[in-house]
Amino acid sequence: MKKPPTITHQQKQVTIVNDKPVFYEPDELKAARAMLMAHLGQHAPKRAYVGPVRLLVKWCFPLKGQHQDGEYKATKPDIDNSQKLLFDCMTACGYWKDDALVASLIAEKFWAALPGIYIRIEEL
């Protein structure tokens, strides 16, 4: 994945139809979800996790400006919002029945010469 998504689940939109709010995903969010699903689907476990797990997630974004490889990224997207979309995609790909099984999470964002999302799952 040469460029991890910067759009998050929080960026859903709302419109009013027949005086009722209807939420929808903008095209950019749909594209990010499809890209994550395609990549995650290739690495889905043969059997879904059924007990508590710990996730180590490293979001590595392409280098920009004066940033150094491995430098922490302290700008948007917010890491907590990024996790929601990732977890939803992992659930849809069959990593587990419910992302409530994630009992421990270590998530970090970096600037990196080799961009991507690196995920390690440990059964607890």
PDB file of N, CA and C in Angstrom:
ATOM      1  N   MET A   1       0.859  -1.166   0.000  1.00  0.00           N
ATOM      2  CA  MET A   1       0.000   0.000   0.000  1.00  0.00           C
ATOM      3  C   MET A   1       0.901   1.224   0.000  1.00  0.00           C
ATOM      4  N   LYS A   2       1.000   1.875  -1.128  1.00  0.00           N
ATOM      5  CA  LYS A   2       1.921   3.000  -1.258  1.00  0.00           C
ATOM      6  C   LYS A   2       1.466   4.242  -0.499  1.00  0.00           C
ATOM      7  N   LYS A   3       0.180   4.355  -0.278  1.00  0.00           N
ATOM      8  CA  LYS A   3      -0.320   5.538   0.424  1.00  0.00           C
ATOM      9  C   LYS A   3      -1.483   5.136   1.326  1.00  0.00           C
ATOM     10  N   PRO A   4      -1.241   4.987   2.631  1.00  0.00           N
ATOM     11  CA  PRO A   4      -2.335   4.643   3.543  1.00  0.00           C
ATOM     12  C   PRO A   4      -3.422   5.716   3.492  1.00  0.00           C
ATOM     13  N   PRO A   5      -4.669   5.325   3.665  1.00  0.00           N
ATOM     14  CA  PRO A   5      -5.747   6.311   3.586  1.00  0.00           C
ATOM     15  C   PRO A   5      -5.640   7.362   4.689  1.00  0.00           C
ATOM     16  N   THR A   6      -5.965   8.586   4.331  1.00  0.00           N
ATOM     17  CA  THR A   6      -5.983   9.663   5.324  1.00  0.00           C
ATOM     18  C   THR A   6      -7.410  10.056   5.678  1.00  0.00           C
ATOM     19  N   ILE A   7      -8.369   9.538   4.935  1.00  0.00           N
ATOM     20  CA  ILE A   7      -9.766   9.787   5.274  1.00  0.00           C
ATOM     21  C   ILE A   7     -10.165   8.793   6.359  1.00  0.00           C
ATOM     22  N   THR A   8     -11.080   9.194   7.225  1.00  0.00           N
ATOM     23  CA  THR A   8     -11.469   8.329   8.333  1.00  0.00           C
ATOM     24  C   THR A   8     -12.972   8.077   8.324  1.00  0.00           C
ATOM     25  N   HIS A   9     -13.361   7.108   9.120  1.00  0.00           N
ATOM     26  CA  HIS A   9     -14.766   6.751   9.265  1.00  0.00           C
ATOM     27  C   HIS A   9     -15.593   7.949   9.730  1.00  0.00           C
ATOM     28  N   GLN A  10     -14.981   8.870  10.461  1.00  0.00           N
ATOM     29  CA  GLN A  10     -15.672  10.044  10.990  1.00  0.00           C
ATOM     30  C   GLN A  10     -16.136  10.968   9.879  1.00  0.00           C
ATOM     31  N   GLN A  11     -15.666  10.772   8.666  1.00  0.00           N
ATOM     32  CA  GLN A  11     -15.978  11.694   7.590  1.00  0.00           C
ATOM     33  C   GLN A  11     -17.186  11.257   6.764  1.00  0.00           C
ATOM     34  N   LYS A  12     -18.042  10.433   7.373  1.00  0.00           N
ATOM     35  CA  LYS A  12     -19.311  10.132   6.722  1.00  0.00           C
ATOM     36  C   LYS A  12     -20.097  11.430   6.597  1.00  0.00           C
ATOM     37  N   GLN A  13     -21.012  11.478   5.646  1.00  0.00           N
ATOM     38  CA  GLN A  13     -21.805  12.671   5.398  1.00  0.00           C
ATOM     39  C   GLN A  13     -23.265  12.379   5.725  1.00  0.00           C
ATOM     40  N   VAL A  14     -24.037  13.433   5.859  1.00  0.00           N
ATOM     41  CA  VAL A  14     -25.465  13.285   6.124  1.00  0.00           C
ATOM     42  C   VAL A  14     -26.235  14.187   5.174  1.00  0.00           C
ATOM     43  N   THR A  15     -27.372  13.673   4.742  1.00  0.00           N
ATOM     44  CA  THR A  15     -28.298  14.457   3.932  1.00  0.00           C
ATOM     45  C   THR A  15     -29.693  14.230   4.491  1.00  0.00           C
ATOM     46  N   ILE A  16     -30.620  15.056   4.126  1.00  0.00           N
ATOM     47  CA  ILE A  16     -32.000  14.913   4.596  1.00  0.00           C
ATOM     48  C   ILE A  16     -32.858  14.395   3.451  1.00  0.00           C
ATOM     49  N   VAL A  17     -33.545  13.280   3.697  1.00  0.00           N
ATOM     50  CA  VAL A  17     -34.459  12.688   2.724  1.00  0.00           C
ATOM     51  C   VAL A  17     -35.791  12.485   3.432  1.00  0.00           C
ATOM     52  N   ASN A  18     -36.834  13.066   2.892  1.00  0.00           N
ATOM     53  CA  ASN A  18     -38.174  12.980   3.509  1.00  0.00           C
ATOM     54  C   ASN A  18     -38.130  13.415   4.974  1.00  0.00           C
ATOM     55  N   ASP A  19     -37.429  14.518   5.225  1.00  0.00           N
ATOM     56  CA  ASP A  19     -37.319  15.102   6.572  1.00  0.00           C
ATOM     57  C   ASP A  19     -36.604  14.201   7.574  1.00  0.00           C
ATOM     58  N   LYS A  20     -35.816  13.230   7.098  1.00  0.00           N
ATOM     59  CA  LYS A  20     -35.066  12.341   7.988  1.00  0.00           C
ATOM     60  C   LYS A  20     -33.602  12.342   7.572  1.00  0.00           C
ATOM     61  N   PRO A  21     -32.692  12.303   8.557  1.00  0.00           N
ATOM     62  CA  PRO A  21     -31.272  12.262   8.207  1.00  0.00           C
ATOM     63  C   PRO A  21     -30.884  10.896   7.634  1.00  0.00           C
ATOM     64  N   VAL A  22     -30.107  10.917   6.574  1.00  0.00           N
ATOM     65  CA  VAL A  22     -29.602   9.709   5.953  1.00  0.00           C
ATOM     66  C   VAL A  22     -28.080   9.865   5.841  1.00  0.00           C
ATOM     67  N   PHE A  23     -27.351   8.936   6.441  1.00  0.00           N
ATOM     68  CA  PHE A  23     -25.889   8.988   6.408  1.00  0.00           C
ATOM     69  C   PHE A  23     -25.377   8.225   5.197  1.00  0.00           C
ATOM     70  N   TYR A  24     -24.319   8.739   4.617  1.00  0.00           N
ATOM     71  CA  TYR A  24     -23.721   8.070   3.459  1.00  0.00           C
ATOM     72  C   TYR A  24     -22.216   8.300   3.469  1.00  0.00           C
ATOM     73  N   GLU A  25     -21.511   7.445   2.712  1.00  0.00           N
ATOM     74  CA  GLU A  25     -20.064   7.563   2.590  1.00  0.00           C
ATOM     75  C   GLU A  25     -19.729   8.331   1.320  1.00  0.00           C
ATOM     76  N   PRO A  26     -18.912   9.383   1.448  1.00  0.00           N
ATOM     77  CA  PRO A  26     -18.464  10.068   0.232  1.00  0.00           C
ATOM     78  C   PRO A  26     -17.569   9.138  -0.597  1.00  0.00           C
ATOM     79  N   ASP A  27     -17.381   9.466  -1.864  1.00  0.00           N
ATOM     80  CA  ASP A  27     -16.608   8.611  -2.767  1.00  0.00           C
ATOM     81  C   ASP A  27     -15.200   8.329  -2.240  1.00  0.00           C
ATOM     82  N   GLU A  28     -14.554   9.328  -1.638  1.00  0.00           N
ATOM     83  CA  GLU A  28     -13.197   9.137  -1.130  1.00  0.00           C
ATOM     84  C   GLU A  28     -13.165   8.097  -0.007  1.00  0.00           C
ATOM     85  N   LEU A  29     -14.180   8.092   0.851  1.00  0.00           N
ATOM     86  CA  LEU A  29     -14.264   7.108   1.929  1.00  0.00           C
ATOM     87  C   LEU A  29     -14.550   5.718   1.354  1.00  0.00           C
ATOM     88  N   LYS A  30     -15.416   5.641   0.361  1.00  0.00           N
ATOM     89  CA  LYS A  30     -15.692   4.356  -0.294  1.00  0.00           C
ATOM     90  C   LYS A  30     -14.420   3.784  -0.919  1.00  0.00           C
ATOM     91  N   ALA A  31     -13.628   4.638  -1.548  1.00  0.00           N
ATOM     92  CA  ALA A  31     -12.382   4.191  -2.185  1.00  0.00           C
ATOM     93  C   ALA A  31     -11.387   3.703  -1.135  1.00  0.00           C
ATOM     94  N   ALA A  32     -11.286   4.409  -0.011  1.00  0.00           N
ATOM     95  CA  ALA A  32     -10.370   4.000   1.058  1.00  0.00           C
ATOM     96  C   ALA A  32     -10.803   2.660   1.638  1.00  0.00           C
ATOM     97  N   ARG A  33     -12.102   2.488   1.845  1.00  0.00           N
ATOM     98  CA  ARG A  33     -12.623   1.223   2.373  1.00  0.00           C
ATOM     99  C   ARG A  33     -12.307   0.084   1.394  1.00  0.00           C
ATOM    100  N   ALA A  34     -12.528   0.305   0.098  1.00  0.00           N
ATOM    101  CA  ALA A  34     -12.267  -0.725  -0.914  1.00  0.00           C
ATOM    102  C   ALA A  34     -10.785  -1.085  -0.946  1.00  0.00           C
ATOM    103  N   MET A  35      -9.904  -0.082  -0.840  1.00  0.00           N
ATOM    104  CA  MET A  35      -8.470  -0.343  -0.856  1.00  0.00           C
ATOM    105  C   MET A  35      -8.061  -1.158   0.372  1.00  0.00           C
ATOM    106  N   LEU A  36      -8.563  -0.786   1.548  1.00  0.00           N
ATOM    107  CA  LEU A  36      -8.243  -1.539   2.760  1.00  0.00           C
ATOM    108  C   LEU A  36      -8.764  -2.968   2.672  1.00  0.00           C
ATOM    109  N   MET A  37      -9.985  -3.126   2.197  1.00  0.00           N
ATOM    110  CA  MET A  37     -10.576  -4.460   2.078  1.00  0.00           C
ATOM    111  C   MET A  37      -9.742  -5.334   1.129  1.00  0.00           C
ATOM    112  N   ALA A  38      -9.288  -4.763   0.029  1.00  0.00           N
ATOM    113  CA  ALA A  38      -8.495  -5.531  -0.936  1.00  0.00           C
ATOM    114  C   ALA A  38      -7.183  -5.998  -0.308  1.00  0.00           C
ATOM    115  N   HIS A  39      -6.524  -5.117   0.414  1.00  0.00           N
ATOM    116  CA  HIS A  39      -5.247  -5.485   1.033  1.00  0.00           C
ATOM    117  C   HIS A  39      -5.447  -6.435   2.209  1.00  0.00           C
ATOM    118  N   LEU A  40      -6.400  -6.132   3.065  1.00  0.00           N
ATOM    119  CA  LEU A  40      -6.626  -6.971   4.248  1.00  0.00           C
ATOM    120  C   LEU A  40      -7.139  -8.360   3.866  1.00  0.00           C
ATOM    121  N   GLY A  41      -7.960  -8.420   2.823  1.00  0.00           N
ATOM    122  CA  GLY A  41      -8.514  -9.700   2.392  1.00  0.00           C
ATOM    123  C   GLY A  41      -7.440 -10.707   2.010  1.00  0.00           C
ATOM    124  N   GLN A  42      -6.326 -10.223   1.502  1.00  0.00           N
ATOM    125  CA  GLN A  42      -5.220 -11.111   1.103  1.00  0.00           C
ATOM    126  C   GLN A  42      -4.534 -11.758   2.305  1.00  0.00           C
ATOM    127  N   HIS A  43      -4.710 -11.176   3.490  1.00  0.00           N
ATOM    128  CA  HIS A  43      -3.992 -11.643   4.674  1.00  0.00           C
ATOM    129  C   HIS A  43      -4.920 -12.132   5.783  1.00  0.00           C
ATOM    130  N   ALA A  44      -6.189 -12.289   5.459  1.00  0.00           N
ATOM    131  CA  ALA A  44      -7.151 -12.735   6.476  1.00  0.00           C
ATOM    132  C   ALA A  44      -6.761 -14.120   6.988  1.00  0.00           C
ATOM    133  N   PRO A  45      -6.930 -14.352   8.283  1.00  0.00           N
ATOM    134  CA  PRO A  45      -6.584 -15.666   8.833  1.00  0.00           C
ATOM    135  C   PRO A  45      -7.533 -16.749   8.318  1.00  0.00           C
ATOM    136  N   LYS A  46      -7.054 -17.982   8.298  1.00  0.00           N
ATOM    137  CA  LYS A  46      -7.902 -19.099   7.855  1.00  0.00           C
ATOM    138  C   LYS A  46      -9.084 -19.283   8.805  1.00  0.00           C
ATOM    139  N   ARG A  47      -8.822 -19.065  10.097  1.00  0.00           N
ATOM    140  CA  ARG A  47      -9.889 -19.121  11.110  1.00  0.00           C
ATOM    141  C   ARG A  47      -9.927 -17.789  11.838  1.00  0.00           C
ATOM    142  N   ALA A  48     -11.109 -17.278  12.032  1.00  0.00           N
ATOM    143  CA  ALA A  48     -11.273 -16.003  12.727  1.00  0.00           C
ATOM    144  C   ALA A  48     -10.839 -16.131  14.189  1.00  0.00           C
ATOM    145  N   TYR A  49     -10.280 -15.072  14.715  1.00  0.00           N
ATOM    146  CA  TYR A  49      -9.941 -15.045  16.141  1.00  0.00           C
ATOM    147  C   TYR A  49     -11.238 -15.094  16.939  1.00  0.00           C
ATOM    148  N   VAL A  50     -11.228 -15.858  18.038  1.00  0.00           N
ATOM    149  CA  VAL A  50     -12.440 -16.007  18.852  1.00  0.00           C
ATOM    150  C   VAL A  50     -12.237 -15.509  20.280  1.00  0.00           C
ATOM    151  N   GLY A  51     -10.998 -15.255  20.654  1.00  0.00           N
ATOM    152  CA  GLY A  51     -10.698 -14.763  21.996  1.00  0.00           C
ATOM    153  C   GLY A  51     -10.052 -13.394  21.925  1.00  0.00           C
ATOM    154  N   PRO A  52      -9.691 -12.845  23.074  1.00  0.00           N
ATOM    155  CA  PRO A  52      -9.101 -11.507  23.099  1.00  0.00           C
ATOM    156  C   PRO A  52      -7.775 -11.454  22.347  1.00  0.00           C
ATOM    157  N   VAL A  53      -7.540 -10.320  21.673  1.00  0.00           N
ATOM    158  CA  VAL A  53      -6.312 -10.123  20.924  1.00  0.00           C
ATOM    159  C   VAL A  53      -5.701  -8.760  21.243  1.00  0.00           C
ATOM    160  N   ARG A  54      -4.405  -8.680  20.963  1.00  0.00           N
ATOM    161  CA  ARG A  54      -3.678  -7.403  21.023  1.00  0.00           C
ATOM    162  C   ARG A  54      -3.266  -7.070  19.603  1.00  0.00           C
ATOM    163  N   LEU A  55      -3.492  -5.828  19.212  1.00  0.00           N
ATOM    164  CA  LEU A  55      -3.065  -5.362  17.897  1.00  0.00           C
ATOM    165  C   LEU A  55      -1.960  -4.337  18.052  1.00  0.00           C
ATOM    166  N   LEU A  56      -0.929  -4.484  17.265  1.00  0.00           N
ATOM    167  CA  LEU A  56       0.103  -3.477  17.105  1.00  0.00           C
ATOM    168  C   LEU A  56      -0.069  -2.960  15.680  1.00  0.00           C
ATOM    169  N   VAL A  57      -0.416  -1.684  15.541  1.00  0.00           N
ATOM    170  CA  VAL A  57      -0.678  -1.097  14.229  1.00  0.00           C
ATOM    171  C   VAL A  57       0.263   0.089  14.029  1.00  0.00           C
ATOM    172  N   LYS A  58       1.007   0.057  12.940  1.00  0.00           N
ATOM    173  CA  LYS A  58       1.904   1.160  12.593  1.00  0.00           C
ATOM    174  C   LYS A  58       1.441   1.739  11.261  1.00  0.00           C
ATOM    175  N   TRP A  59       0.980   2.968  11.319  1.00  0.00           N
ATOM    176  CA  TRP A  59       0.563   3.693  10.129  1.00  0.00           C
ATOM    177  C   TRP A  59       1.787   4.448   9.615  1.00  0.00           C
ATOM    178  N   CYS A  60       2.276   4.087   8.453  1.00  0.00           N
ATOM    179  CA  CYS A  60       3.480   4.704   7.887  1.00  0.00           C
ATOM    180  C   CYS A  60       3.093   5.505   6.646  1.00  0.00           C
ATOM    181  N   PHE A  61       3.203   6.824   6.760  1.00  0.00           N
ATOM    182  CA  PHE A  61       2.791   7.728   5.688  1.00  0.00           C
ATOM    183  C   PHE A  61       3.998   8.167   4.869  1.00  0.00           C
ATOM    184  N   PRO A  62       3.802   8.406   3.566  1.00  0.00           N
ATOM    185  CA  PRO A  62       4.916   8.799   2.702  1.00  0.00           C
ATOM    186  C   PRO A  62       5.604  10.066   3.221  1.00  0.00           C
ATOM    187  N   LEU A  63       6.914  10.080   3.098  1.00  0.00           N
ATOM    188  CA  LEU A  63       7.695  11.243   3.531  1.00  0.00           C
ATOM    189  C   LEU A  63       7.256  12.498   2.782  1.00  0.00           C
ATOM    190  N   LYS A  64       7.185  13.610   3.523  1.00  0.00           N
ATOM    191  CA  LYS A  64       6.860  14.916   2.939  1.00  0.00           C
ATOM    192  C   LYS A  64       7.754  15.962   3.570  1.00  0.00           C
ATOM    193  N   GLY A  65       8.101  16.943   2.800  1.00  0.00           N
ATOM    194  CA  GLY A  65       8.840  18.083   3.338  1.00  0.00           C
ATOM    195  C   GLY A  65      10.136  17.675   4.017  1.00  0.00           C
ATOM    196  N   GLN A  66      10.361  18.222   5.197  1.00  0.00           N
ATOM    197  CA  GLN A  66      11.607  18.010   5.937  1.00  0.00           C
ATOM    198  C   GLN A  66      11.540  16.818   6.898  1.00  0.00           C
ATOM    199  N   HIS A  67      10.470  16.021   6.840  1.00  0.00           N
ATOM    200  CA  HIS A  67      10.326  14.908   7.778  1.00  0.00           C
ATOM    201  C   HIS A  67      11.332  13.802   7.476  1.00  0.00           C
ATOM    202  N   GLN A  68      11.732  13.115   8.530  1.00  0.00           N
ATOM    203  CA  GLN A  68      12.711  12.037   8.424  1.00  0.00           C
ATOM    204  C   GLN A  68      12.021  10.680   8.504  1.00  0.00           C
ATOM    205  N   ASP A  69      12.624   9.684   7.891  1.00  0.00           N
ATOM    206  CA  ASP A  69      12.119   8.319   7.951  1.00  0.00           C
ATOM    207  C   ASP A  69      12.059   7.865   9.411  1.00  0.00           C
ATOM    208  N   GLY A  70      10.892   7.404   9.847  1.00  0.00           N
ATOM    209  CA  GLY A  70      10.725   6.925  11.219  1.00  0.00           C
ATOM    210  C   GLY A  70      10.300   7.992  12.211  1.00  0.00           C
ATOM    211  N   GLU A  71      10.187   9.233  11.760  1.00  0.00           N
ATOM    212  CA  GLU A  71       9.749  10.323  12.636  1.00  0.00           C
ATOM    213  C   GLU A  71       8.249  10.161  12.926  1.00  0.00           C
ATOM    214  N   TYR A  72       7.863  10.351  14.187  1.00  0.00           N
ATOM    215  CA  TYR A  72       6.443  10.281  14.526  1.00  0.00           C
ATOM    216  C   TYR A  72       5.672  11.352  13.766  1.00  0.00           C
ATOM    217  N   LYS A  73       4.463  10.997  13.309  1.00  0.00           N
ATOM    218  CA  LYS A  73       3.592  11.918  12.580  1.00  0.00           C
ATOM    219  C   LYS A  73       2.550  12.452  13.552  1.00  0.00           C
ATOM    220  N   ALA A  74       2.599  13.752  13.815  1.00  0.00           N
ATOM    221  CA  ALA A  74       1.692  14.355  14.789  1.00  0.00           C
ATOM    222  C   ALA A  74       0.689  15.287  14.109  1.00  0.00           C
ATOM    223  N   THR A  75       0.239  14.890  12.912  1.00  0.00           N
ATOM    224  CA  THR A  75      -0.756  15.664  12.175  1.00  0.00           C
ATOM    225  C   THR A  75      -1.894  14.722  11.778  1.00  0.00           C
ATOM    226  N   LYS A  76      -2.926  15.284  11.170  1.00  0.00           N
ATOM    227  CA  LYS A  76      -4.072  14.473  10.755  1.00  0.00           C
ATOM    228  C   LYS A  76      -3.630  13.409   9.759  1.00  0.00           C
ATOM    229  N   PRO A  77      -4.312  12.303   9.677  1.00  0.00           N
ATOM    230  CA  PRO A  77      -5.569  11.981  10.350  1.00  0.00           C
ATOM    231  C   PRO A  77      -5.357  11.568  11.803  1.00  0.00           C
ATOM    232  N   ASP A  78      -6.375  11.809  12.613  1.00  0.00           N
ATOM    233  CA  ASP A  78      -6.320  11.388  14.013  1.00  0.00           C
ATOM    234  C   ASP A  78      -6.254   9.868  14.065  1.00  0.00           C
ATOM    235  N   ILE A  79      -5.378   9.368  14.894  1.00  0.00           N
ATOM    236  CA  ILE A  79      -5.139   7.919  14.930  1.00  0.00           C
ATOM    237  C   ILE A  79      -6.361   7.140  15.408  1.00  0.00           C
ATOM    238  N   ASP A  80      -7.123   7.702  16.337  1.00  0.00           N
ATOM    239  CA  ASP A  80      -8.296   6.976  16.836  1.00  0.00           C
ATOM    240  C   ASP A  80      -9.353   6.839  15.750  1.00  0.00           C
ATOM    241  N   ASN A  81      -9.514   7.848  14.922  1.00  0.00           N
ATOM    242  CA  ASN A  81     -10.492   7.769  13.843  1.00  0.00           C
ATOM    243  C   ASN A  81     -10.032   6.807  12.743  1.00  0.00           C
ATOM    244  N   SER A  82      -8.731   6.731  12.522  1.00  0.00           N
ATOM    245  CA  SER A  82      -8.199   5.798  11.521  1.00  0.00           C
ATOM    246  C   SER A  82      -8.462   4.354  11.923  1.00  0.00           C
ATOM    247  N   GLN A  83      -8.376   4.072  13.203  1.00  0.00           N
ATOM    248  CA  GLN A  83      -8.567   2.703  13.697  1.00  0.00           C
ATOM    249  C   GLN A  83      -9.980   2.203  13.412  1.00  0.00           C
ATOM    250  N   LYS A  84     -10.982   3.051  13.508  1.00  0.00           N
ATOM    251  CA  LYS A  84     -12.370   2.631  13.306  1.00  0.00           C
ATOM    252  C   LYS A  84     -12.570   2.030  11.911  1.00  0.00           C
ATOM    253  N   LEU A  85     -12.094   2.729  10.891  1.00  0.00           N
ATOM    254  CA  LEU A  85     -12.233   2.213   9.526  1.00  0.00           C
ATOM    255  C   LEU A  85     -11.454   0.910   9.363  1.00  0.00           C
ATOM    256  N   LEU A  86     -10.245   0.864   9.894  1.00  0.00           N
ATOM    257  CA  LEU A  86      -9.426  -0.348   9.818  1.00  0.00           C
ATOM    258  C   LEU A  86     -10.127  -1.527  10.491  1.00  0.00           C
ATOM    259  N   PHE A  87     -10.628  -1.325  11.704  1.00  0.00           N
ATOM    260  CA  PHE A  87     -11.312  -2.397  12.434  1.00  0.00           C
ATOM    261  C   PHE A  87     -12.554  -2.869  11.690  1.00  0.00           C
ATOM    262  N   ASP A  88     -13.337  -1.932  11.137  1.00  0.00           N
ATOM    263  CA  ASP A  88     -14.530  -2.314  10.375  1.00  0.00           C
ATOM    264  C   ASP A  88     -14.152  -3.193   9.185  1.00  0.00           C
ATOM    265  N   CYS A  89     -13.080  -2.844   8.503  1.00  0.00           N
ATOM    266  CA  CYS A  89     -12.637  -3.633   7.345  1.00  0.00           C
ATOM    267  C   CYS A  89     -12.108  -5.002   7.781  1.00  0.00           C
ATOM    268  N   MET A  90     -11.382  -5.040   8.887  1.00  0.00           N
ATOM    269  CA  MET A  90     -10.873  -6.324   9.383  1.00  0.00           C
ATOM    270  C   MET A  90     -12.030  -7.236   9.788  1.00  0.00           C
ATOM    271  N   THR A  91     -13.067  -6.677  10.381  1.00  0.00           N
ATOM    272  CA  THR A  91     -14.250  -7.458  10.744  1.00  0.00           C
ATOM    273  C   THR A  91     -14.908  -8.018   9.483  1.00  0.00           C
ATOM    274  N   ALA A  92     -15.090  -7.164   8.477  1.00  0.00           N
ATOM    275  CA  ALA A  92     -15.723  -7.595   7.221  1.00  0.00           C
ATOM    276  C   ALA A  92     -14.896  -8.660   6.510  1.00  0.00           C
ATOM    277  N   CYS A  93     -13.581  -8.640   6.679  1.00  0.00           N
ATOM    278  CA  CYS A  93     -12.703  -9.628   6.034  1.00  0.00           C
ATOM    279  C   CYS A  93     -12.596 -10.922   6.833  1.00  0.00           C
ATOM    280  N   GLY A  94     -13.223 -10.990   8.004  1.00  0.00           N
ATOM    281  CA  GLY A  94     -13.253 -12.231   8.757  1.00  0.00           C
ATOM    282  C   GLY A  94     -12.112 -12.448   9.730  1.00  0.00           C
ATOM    283  N   TYR A  95     -11.457 -11.377  10.151  1.00  0.00           N
ATOM    284  CA  TYR A  95     -10.392 -11.531  11.146  1.00  0.00           C
ATOM    285  C   TYR A  95     -10.968 -11.963  12.493  1.00  0.00           C
ATOM    286  N   TRP A  96     -12.180 -11.536  12.779  1.00  0.00           N
ATOM    287  CA  TRP A  96     -12.905 -11.862  14.011  1.00  0.00           C
ATOM    288  C   TRP A  96     -14.377 -11.602  13.755  1.00  0.00           C
ATOM    289  N   LYS A  97     -15.226 -12.075  14.675  1.00  0.00           N
ATOM    290  CA  LYS A  97     -16.661 -11.828  14.516  1.00  0.00           C
ATOM    291  C   LYS A  97     -17.002 -10.397  14.908  1.00  0.00           C
ATOM    292  N   ASP A  98     -16.278  -9.873  15.911  1.00  0.00           N
ATOM    293  CA  ASP A  98     -16.567  -8.539  16.430  1.00  0.00           C
ATOM    294  C   ASP A  98     -15.259  -7.901  16.887  1.00  0.00           C
ATOM    295  N   ASP A  99     -15.046  -6.649  16.534  1.00  0.00           N
ATOM    296  CA  ASP A  99     -13.801  -5.995  16.939  1.00  0.00           C
ATOM    297  C   ASP A  99     -13.735  -5.704  18.435  1.00  0.00           C
ATOM    298  N   ALA A 100     -14.777  -6.070  19.166  1.00  0.00           N
ATOM    299  CA  ALA A 100     -14.725  -5.995  20.629  1.00  0.00           C
ATOM    300  C   ALA A 100     -13.658  -6.944  21.179  1.00  0.00           C
ATOM    301  N   LEU A 101     -13.225  -7.923  20.378  1.00  0.00           N
ATOM    302  CA  LEU A 101     -12.172  -8.854  20.806  1.00  0.00           C
ATOM    303  C   LEU A 101     -10.813  -8.164  20.943  1.00  0.00           C
ATOM    304  N   VAL A 102     -10.675  -6.974  20.376  1.00  0.00           N
ATOM    305  CA  VAL A 102      -9.418  -6.230  20.511  1.00  0.00           C
ATOM    306  C   VAL A 102      -9.383  -5.658  21.928  1.00  0.00           C
ATOM    307  N   ALA A 103      -8.650  -6.349  22.785  1.00  0.00           N
ATOM    308  CA  ALA A 103      -8.574  -5.964  24.190  1.00  0.00           C
ATOM    309  C   ALA A 103      -7.377  -5.063  24.466  1.00  0.00           C
ATOM    310  N   SER A 104      -6.404  -5.083  23.561  1.00  0.00           N
ATOM    311  CA  SER A 104      -5.206  -4.275  23.718  1.00  0.00           C
ATOM    312  C   SER A 104      -4.826  -3.725  22.348  1.00  0.00           C
ATOM    313  N   LEU A 105      -4.514  -2.434  22.302  1.00  0.00           N
ATOM    314  CA  LEU A 105      -4.179  -1.786  21.046  1.00  0.00           C
ATOM    315  C   LEU A 105      -2.994  -0.855  21.245  1.00  0.00           C
ATOM    316  N   ILE A 106      -1.987  -1.031  20.414  1.00  0.00           N
ATOM    317  CA  ILE A 106      -0.867  -0.101  20.347  1.00  0.00           C
ATOM    318  C   ILE A 106      -0.872   0.417  18.916  1.00  0.00           C
ATOM    319  N   ALA A 107      -1.153   1.706  18.745  1.00  0.00           N
ATOM    320  CA  ALA A 107      -1.235   2.300  17.414  1.00  0.00           C
ATOM    321  C   ALA A 107      -0.302   3.499  17.342  1.00  0.00           C
ATOM    322  N   GLU A 108       0.453   3.571  16.254  1.00  0.00           N
ATOM    323  CA  GLU A 108       1.417   4.650  16.072  1.00  0.00           C
ATOM    324  C   GLU A 108       1.374   5.140  14.632  1.00  0.00           C
ATOM    325  N   LYS A 109       1.730   6.431  14.443  1.00  0.00           N
ATOM    326  CA  LYS A 109       1.814   7.020  13.099  1.00  0.00           C
ATOM    327  C   LYS A 109       3.234   7.530  12.887  1.00  0.00           C
ATOM    328  N   PHE A 110       3.752   7.254  11.699  1.00  0.00           N
ATOM    329  CA  PHE A 110       5.109   7.664  11.356  1.00  0.00           C
ATOM    330  C   PHE A 110       5.155   8.257   9.957  1.00  0.00           C
ATOM    331  N   TRP A 111       6.183   9.048   9.706  1.00  0.00           N
ATOM    332  CA  TRP A 111       6.597   9.373   8.350  1.00  0.00           C
ATOM    333  C   TRP A 111       7.556   8.255   7.952  1.00  0.00           C
ATOM    334  N   ALA A 112       7.457   7.748   6.725  1.00  0.00           N
ATOM    335  CA  ALA A 112       8.284   6.595   6.375  1.00  0.00           C
ATOM    336  C   ALA A 112       8.671   6.593   4.903  1.00  0.00           C
ATOM    337  N   ALA A 113       9.884   6.130   4.644  1.00  0.00           N
ATOM    338  CA  ALA A 113      10.340   5.942   3.266  1.00  0.00           C
ATOM    339  C   ALA A 113       9.581   4.789   2.613  1.00  0.00           C
ATOM    340  N   LEU A 114       9.162   3.814   3.413  1.00  0.00           N
ATOM    341  CA  LEU A 114       8.380   2.678   2.927  1.00  0.00           C
ATOM    342  C   LEU A 114       6.990   2.770   3.566  1.00  0.00           C
ATOM    343  N   PRO A 115       6.039   3.449   2.903  1.00  0.00           N
ATOM    344  CA  PRO A 115       4.718   3.649   3.490  1.00  0.00           C
ATOM    345  C   PRO A 115       3.887   2.379   3.506  1.00  0.00           C
ATOM    346  N   GLY A 116       2.898   2.366   4.365  1.00  0.00           N
ATOM    347  CA  GLY A 116       1.970   1.250   4.458  1.00  0.00           C
ATOM    348  C   GLY A 116       1.396   1.157   5.855  1.00  0.00           C
ATOM    349  N   ILE A 117       0.610   0.133   6.071  1.00  0.00           N
ATOM    350  CA  ILE A 117       0.051  -0.140   7.394  1.00  0.00           C
ATOM    351  C   ILE A 117       0.577  -1.503   7.808  1.00  0.00           C
ATOM    352  N   TYR A 118       1.246  -1.549   8.929  1.00  0.00           N
ATOM    353  CA  TYR A 118       1.809  -2.796   9.424  1.00  0.00           C
ATOM    354  C   TYR A 118       1.009  -3.212  10.652  1.00  0.00           C
ATOM    355  N   ILE A 119       0.520  -4.454  10.639  1.00  0.00           N
ATOM    356  CA  ILE A 119      -0.359  -4.945  11.695  1.00  0.00           C
ATOM    357  C   ILE A 119       0.189  -6.246  12.229  1.00  0.00           C
ATOM    358  N   ARG A 120       0.267  -6.332  13.534  1.00  0.00           N
ATOM    359  CA  ARG A 120       0.638  -7.594  14.208  1.00  0.00           C
ATOM    360  C   ARG A 120      -0.478  -7.934  15.165  1.00  0.00           C
ATOM    361  N   ILE A 121      -0.951  -9.169  15.112  1.00  0.00           N
ATOM    362  CA  ILE A 121      -2.033  -9.625  15.975  1.00  0.00           C
ATOM    363  C   ILE A 121      -1.502 -10.706  16.894  1.00  0.00           C
ATOM    364  N   GLU A 122      -1.742 -10.552  18.195  1.00  0.00           N
ATOM    365  CA  GLU A 122      -1.357 -11.558  19.182  1.00  0.00           C
ATOM    366  C   GLU A 122      -2.598 -12.013  19.927  1.00  0.00           C
ATOM    367  N   GLU A 123      -2.728 -13.326  20.098  1.00  0.00           N
ATOM    368  CA  GLU A 123      -3.793 -13.826  20.941  1.00  0.00           C
ATOM    369  C   GLU A 123      -3.383 -13.629  22.400  1.00  0.00           C
ATOM    370  N   LEU A 124      -4.314 -13.195  23.217  1.00  0.00           N
ATOM    371  CA  LEU A 124      -4.022 -12.968  24.641  1.00  0.00           C
ATOM    372  C   LEU A 124      -4.524 -14.128  25.481  1.00  0.00           C
TER     373      LEU A 124
END
